Amino acid sequence: MRFLAISSFALAVLALPVTSGAQQLNQDLPKGPTLKAAAVGFRSNVAKVDASTKITAAPLRRHEGQDVALMVVGVGAMIVGALVGDTAGTIILIGGAGMALYGLYHYLE
């Protein structure tokens, strides 16, 4: 019985360092601080990329039609103001320029 106890203890002592990971060095880990460790937030371990995520859609621009319409009507009002002439034509021309510039501002925004 003593022989069985001593042999099982010796077997456990010899097998213990092999099975425990505390005695082994991991060469894959970088030494010191890393940029990944400095990042704050949630991170996914698996990158999910398929054919549908590689397609980049054009950015959605709201009211783009309104902006173009403001520019066209403004330029049209400028042409009409130039054709009318005198004080009334100048007022129409300045109003059309303001409308065209307002449409251009929102279009470029």
Protein backbone atom coordinates (compact mmCIF):
# COMPACT_ATOMS: atom_id res chain seq x y z
CA MET A 1 0.00 0.00 0.00
CA ARG A 2 2.91 2.33 0.77
CA PHE A 3 4.45 1.59 -2.60
CA LEU A 4 1.19 2.47 -4.35
CA ALA A 5 0.87 5.77 -2.42
CA ILE A 6 4.51 6.79 -3.07
CA SER A 7 4.33 5.89 -6.76
CA SER A 8 1.06 7.82 -7.28
CA PHE A 9 2.58 10.83 -5.45
CA ALA A 10 5.74 10.67 -7.61
CA LEU A 11 3.63 10.38 -10.75
CA ALA A 12 1.57 13.41 -9.68
CA VAL A 13 4.70 15.47 -8.93
CA LEU A 14 6.23 14.61 -12.31
CA ALA A 15 3.01 15.28 -14.28
CA LEU A 16 2.00 18.48 -12.45
CA PRO A 17 4.40 20.95 -14.18
CA VAL A 18 3.51 19.54 -17.59
CA THR A 19 -0.22 20.06 -17.10
CA SER A 20 -0.09 23.46 -15.39
CA GLY A 21 0.27 26.51 -17.60
CA ALA A 22 1.85 28.63 -14.88
CA GLN A 23 5.32 27.33 -15.57
CA GLN A 24 5.23 27.90 -19.32
CA LEU A 25 6.11 31.17 -21.04
CA ASN A 26 3.79 32.46 -23.72
CA GLN A 27 5.90 33.92 -26.53
CA ASP A 28 2.89 35.21 -28.54
CA LEU A 29 1.96 38.05 -26.19
CA PRO A 30 3.60 41.45 -26.79
CA LYS A 31 5.69 42.97 -24.05
CA GLY A 32 4.66 46.30 -22.56
CA PRO A 33 1.63 48.50 -23.31
CA THR A 34 -0.14 48.22 -26.65
CA LEU A 35 -2.57 50.43 -28.58
CA LYS A 36 -5.22 47.71 -28.39
CA ALA A 37 -5.02 47.70 -24.60
CA ALA A 38 -5.37 51.50 -24.57
CA ALA A 39 -8.65 51.45 -26.51
CA VAL A 40 -11.82 51.97 -24.52
CA GLY A 41 -15.08 50.26 -25.39
CA PHE A 42 -16.43 46.94 -26.53
CA ARG A 43 -14.41 44.84 -28.96
CA SER A 44 -15.48 41.82 -30.95
CA ASN A 45 -13.05 38.94 -31.12
CA VAL A 46 -14.34 37.74 -34.48
CA ALA A 47 -14.55 40.05 -37.47
CA LYS A 48 -17.71 39.28 -39.43
CA VAL A 49 -17.07 40.23 -43.05
CA ASP A 50 -19.01 38.94 -45.99
CA ALA A 51 -19.84 40.19 -49.45
CA SER A 52 -22.70 42.41 -48.26
CA THR A 53 -20.49 44.41 -45.86
CA LYS A 54 -17.89 45.19 -48.52
CA ILE A 55 -20.36 47.22 -50.59
CA THR A 56 -20.17 50.89 -49.74
CA ALA A 57 -23.34 52.77 -50.46
CA ALA A 58 -23.40 56.43 -51.39
CA PRO A 59 -24.18 58.65 -48.41
CA LEU A 60 -27.84 59.50 -48.07
CA ARG A 61 -28.39 63.18 -48.79
CA ARG A 62 -31.72 64.54 -47.66
CA HIS A 63 -33.48 67.40 -49.46
CA GLU A 64 -30.95 67.37 -52.30
CA GLY A 65 -33.75 67.96 -54.81
CA GLN A 66 -34.95 71.01 -52.93
CA ASP A 67 -31.48 72.53 -52.92
CA VAL A 68 -31.06 72.03 -56.66
CA ALA A 69 -34.51 73.49 -57.27
CA LEU A 70 -33.62 76.58 -55.19
CA MET A 71 -30.48 77.10 -57.27
CA VAL A 72 -32.32 76.70 -60.60
CA VAL A 73 -35.18 79.02 -59.64
CA GLY A 74 -32.70 81.55 -58.26
CA VAL A 75 -30.70 81.62 -61.49
CA GLY A 76 -33.94 81.87 -63.45
CA ALA A 77 -35.00 84.83 -61.31
CA MET A 78 -31.63 86.46 -61.93
CA ILE A 79 -32.11 86.11 -65.70
CA VAL A 80 -35.64 87.53 -65.49
CA GLY A 81 -34.40 90.42 -63.32
CA ALA A 82 -31.69 91.21 -65.86
CA LEU A 83 -34.26 91.22 -68.69
CA VAL A 84 -36.77 93.39 -66.81
CA GLY A 85 -34.29 96.13 -65.92
CA ASP A 86 -34.76 99.26 -63.81
CA THR A 87 -35.52 99.10 -60.07
CA ALA A 88 -37.96 96.18 -60.25
CA GLY A 89 -35.46 94.12 -62.24
CA THR A 90 -32.71 94.88 -59.74
CA ILE A 91 -34.91 93.71 -56.85
CA ILE A 92 -35.79 90.48 -58.69
CA LEU A 93 -32.12 89.95 -59.60
CA ILE A 94 -30.93 90.39 -55.98
CA GLY A 95 -33.71 88.12 -54.69
CA GLY A 96 -32.81 85.44 -57.25
CA ALA A 97 -29.13 85.67 -56.32
CA GLY A 98 -30.02 85.26 -52.65
CA MET A 99 -32.20 82.25 -53.43
CA ALA A 100 -29.50 80.63 -55.60
CA LEU A 101 -26.81 81.19 -52.96
CA TYR A 102 -29.09 79.79 -50.23
CA GLY A 103 -29.69 76.65 -52.33
CA LEU A 104 -25.97 76.33 -53.06
CA TYR A 105 -25.12 76.66 -49.36
CA HIS A 106 -27.48 73.84 -48.38
CA TYR A 107 -26.37 71.71 -51.33
CA LEU A 108 -22.70 71.95 -50.31
CA GLU A 109 -23.44 71.44 -46.61
